[in-house]
N, C-alpha and C. Protein backbone atom coordinates (compact mmCIF):
# COMPACT_ATOMS: atom_id res chain seq x y z
N MET A 1 85.04 123.76 101.62
CA MET A 1 86.95 124.09 102.21
C MET A 1 86.05 124.79 103.40
N ASP A 2 86.49 123.97 104.16
CA ASP A 2 85.30 124.72 105.88
C ASP A 2 86.44 126.31 105.97
N ALA A 3 86.15 126.63 107.16
CA ALA A 3 86.33 127.98 107.26
C ALA A 3 87.87 128.40 108.03
N LEU A 4 88.76 127.32 108.38
CA LEU A 4 89.90 127.23 108.63
C LEU A 4 91.08 127.42 107.74
N THR A 5 90.43 126.40 106.15
CA THR A 5 91.19 125.41 105.75
C THR A 5 91.21 127.18 104.53
N ALA A 6 90.12 127.40 104.40
CA ALA A 6 89.83 128.59 103.62
C ALA A 6 90.46 130.09 104.18
N SER A 7 90.93 130.92 105.58
CA SER A 7 92.09 131.09 106.41
C SER A 7 93.58 131.39 106.44
N ILE A 8 93.66 130.08 106.21
CA ILE A 8 95.05 129.40 105.83
C ILE A 8 95.07 129.75 104.14
N VAL A 9 94.57 129.22 102.91
CA VAL A 9 95.51 129.56 102.16
C VAL A 9 95.25 131.14 101.83
N ASP A 10 94.37 131.70 102.38
CA ASP A 10 93.87 133.40 102.12
C ASP A 10 95.42 133.62 102.92
N THR A 11 95.90 133.26 104.45
CA THR A 11 97.79 134.09 104.32
C THR A 11 98.27 133.23 103.61
N ALA A 12 97.89 132.01 103.20
CA ALA A 12 99.50 131.61 102.65
C ALA A 12 99.47 132.72 101.89
N SER A 13 98.33 133.37 100.69
CA SER A 13 97.64 134.07 99.20
C SER A 13 99.14 134.82 99.38
N ALA A 14 98.34 136.03 100.70
CA ALA A 14 98.38 137.10 100.38
C ALA A 14 100.71 136.71 101.34
N MET A 15 100.53 136.19 101.99
CA MET A 15 101.89 136.32 102.41
C MET A 15 103.08 136.05 100.78
N LYS A 16 102.68 134.99 99.82
CA LYS A 16 103.41 134.84 98.84
C LYS A 16 103.58 136.24 98.35
N ALA A 17 102.18 137.43 98.28
CA ALA A 17 102.48 138.23 97.45
C ALA A 17 103.00 139.35 98.03
N GLN A 18 103.19 139.34 99.38
CA GLN A 18 104.18 140.07 99.92
C GLN A 18 105.38 139.68 99.97
N GLN A 19 106.02 138.50 100.18
CA GLN A 19 107.34 138.31 99.45
C GLN A 19 107.60 138.72 98.07
N LEU A 20 106.74 138.16 97.27
CA LEU A 20 107.42 139.63 95.56
C LEU A 20 107.58 140.09 95.74
N ALA A 21 107.04 141.01 96.31
CA ALA A 21 106.91 142.70 96.48
C ALA A 21 108.04 143.58 97.26
N SER A 22 108.88 142.73 98.19
CA SER A 22 109.63 142.16 99.35
C SER A 22 110.92 142.17 97.95
N GLU A 23 110.65 141.10 97.11
CA GLU A 23 111.81 141.39 96.65
C GLU A 23 111.74 141.63 95.29
N MET A 24 110.68 142.14 94.89
CA MET A 24 110.54 143.50 94.01
C MET A 24 111.55 144.30 94.30
N ASN A 25 111.38 145.46 95.95
CA ASN A 25 111.89 146.17 96.37
C ASN A 25 113.29 146.04 96.09
N VAL A 26 113.49 144.82 96.51
CA VAL A 26 115.63 145.02 97.53
C VAL A 26 116.00 144.80 95.75
N ARG A 27 114.98 144.40 94.22
CA ARG A 27 115.71 144.41 93.50
C ARG A 27 115.69 145.98 93.02
N LEU A 28 115.27 146.19 92.90
CA LEU A 28 114.05 147.95 92.99
C LEU A 28 116.49 148.04 93.67
N LEU A 29 115.71 148.20 94.75
CA LEU A 29 116.90 149.18 95.16
C LEU A 29 118.37 148.50 95.19
N ASP A 30 118.79 147.13 94.93
CA ASP A 30 119.95 146.80 94.16
C ASP A 30 120.62 147.50 92.72
N LYS A 31 119.43 147.88 92.01
CA LYS A 31 120.22 148.42 90.58
C LYS A 31 119.79 149.69 91.11
N ALA A 32 119.07 150.81 91.93
CA ALA A 32 119.71 151.95 92.16
C ALA A 32 120.92 152.24 93.00
N LEU A 33 121.46 151.67 93.74
CA LEU A 33 122.53 151.91 94.34
C LEU A 33 123.96 151.17 93.31
N ASP A 34 123.46 150.44 92.55
CA ASP A 34 124.81 150.60 91.65
C ASP A 34 124.59 151.77 89.96
N ALA A 35 123.57 152.20 89.74
CA ALA A 35 123.95 152.94 89.04
C ALA A 35 124.74 154.18 89.97
N SER A 36 123.80 154.39 91.86
CA SER A 36 124.09 155.49 92.19
C SER A 36 125.98 155.51 92.28
N ALA A 37 126.20 153.92 92.60
CA ALA A 37 128.01 154.05 92.12
C ALA A 37 128.18 154.20 91.09
N GLN A 38 128.28 153.91 90.26
CA GLN A 38 128.53 153.92 88.42
C GLN A 38 128.49 155.65 88.42
N GLN A 39 127.85 156.51 89.15
CA GLN A 39 127.69 158.28 89.35
C GLN A 39 128.52 158.01 89.75
N ALA A 40 129.40 158.15 91.26
CA ALA A 40 129.83 158.77 92.19
C ALA A 40 130.72 157.89 91.66
N LEU A 41 131.53 157.02 90.38
CA LEU A 41 132.66 156.35 90.76
C LEU A 41 133.00 157.46 88.63
N SER A 42 131.95 158.41 88.23
CA SER A 42 131.90 158.39 87.39
C SER A 42 132.09 160.07 87.49
N LEU A 43 132.12 161.07 88.29
CA LEU A 43 132.41 162.05 89.28
C LEU A 43 133.36 162.64 89.75
N LEU A 44 134.06 160.86 89.84
CA LEU A 44 135.39 160.87 90.65
C LEU A 44 136.65 160.76 89.77
N SER A 45 136.15 160.27 88.42
CA SER A 45 136.81 159.95 87.30
C SER A 45 137.38 161.19 86.52
N THR A 46 135.96 162.20 86.82
CA THR A 46 136.14 163.70 86.85
C THR A 46 137.95 165.05 87.40
N LEU A 47 138.11 164.48 88.35
CA LEU A 47 138.58 165.43 88.89
C LEU A 47 140.23 165.02 88.49
N PRO A 48 140.26 166.56 89.30
CA PRO A 48 141.69 166.40 88.54
C PRO A 48 142.52 165.74 89.89
N ALA A 49 143.90 164.80 89.18
CA ALA A 49 144.75 164.08 89.93
C ALA A 49 145.78 165.93 90.03
N GLY A 50 145.44 166.54 91.22
CA GLY A 50 146.13 167.10 92.20
C GLY A 50 147.18 166.56 93.04
N SER A 51 148.87 167.14 93.43
CA SER A 51 149.74 166.37 93.68
C SER A 51 149.23 168.19 94.98
N PRO A 52 150.02 167.06 96.62
CA PRO A 52 149.33 167.75 97.68
C PRO A 52 150.55 168.66 97.65
N SER A 53 150.36 169.68 98.48
CA SER A 53 151.25 171.11 98.53
C SER A 53 152.22 171.65 100.31
N GLY A 54 152.92 171.76 99.69
CA GLY A 54 153.90 171.49 100.43
C GLY A 54 154.92 170.07 101.01
N GLY A 55 154.47 169.36 100.70
CA GLY A 55 155.23 167.77 100.84
C GLY A 55 155.79 167.55 101.99
N GLY A 56 154.93 169.10 103.17
CA GLY A 56 156.25 168.43 104.48
C GLY A 56 155.66 167.71 105.24
N VAL A 57 155.63 166.74 106.12
CA VAL A 57 155.62 165.46 107.51
C VAL A 57 154.13 165.10 107.58
N GLY A 58 153.60 164.39 107.07
CA GLY A 58 151.77 164.54 107.69
C GLY A 58 150.87 164.72 106.65
N GLN A 59 151.24 164.67 105.33
CA GLN A 59 150.87 165.65 104.67
C GLN A 59 150.76 164.88 102.55
N VAL A 60 151.37 164.01 103.10
CA VAL A 60 151.80 163.24 102.38
C VAL A 60 152.17 161.60 102.43
N LEU A 61 150.94 160.55 101.73
CA LEU A 61 150.66 159.05 102.46
C LEU A 61 151.71 158.28 101.09
N ASP A 62 152.27 157.62 101.75
CA ASP A 62 152.31 156.97 100.53
C ASP A 62 151.55 155.30 100.68
N VAL A 63 151.66 155.23 98.75
CA VAL A 63 150.57 153.52 99.59
C VAL A 63 151.27 153.02 98.06
N ILE A 64 151.31 151.59 98.21
CA ILE A 64 152.11 151.03 97.80
C ILE A 64 151.66 149.75 97.49
N ALA A 65 150.56 149.53 96.51
CA ALA A 65 149.51 147.85 96.35
C ALA A 65 150.73 147.28 95.66
């Protein structure tokens, strides 16, 4: 194997290792975001359902789904 071929092989190997590391980081970030979203939903579900005080114009928004 000449020097050029060896250099190409080394570069390809390094790029593959970097790609794998990047994919692992993305998966870790995805799991962290999922956990954070779950915690946020859990916190939101513990909030009391309050009614708006006053009920004047511009203070209440009716939403029909």
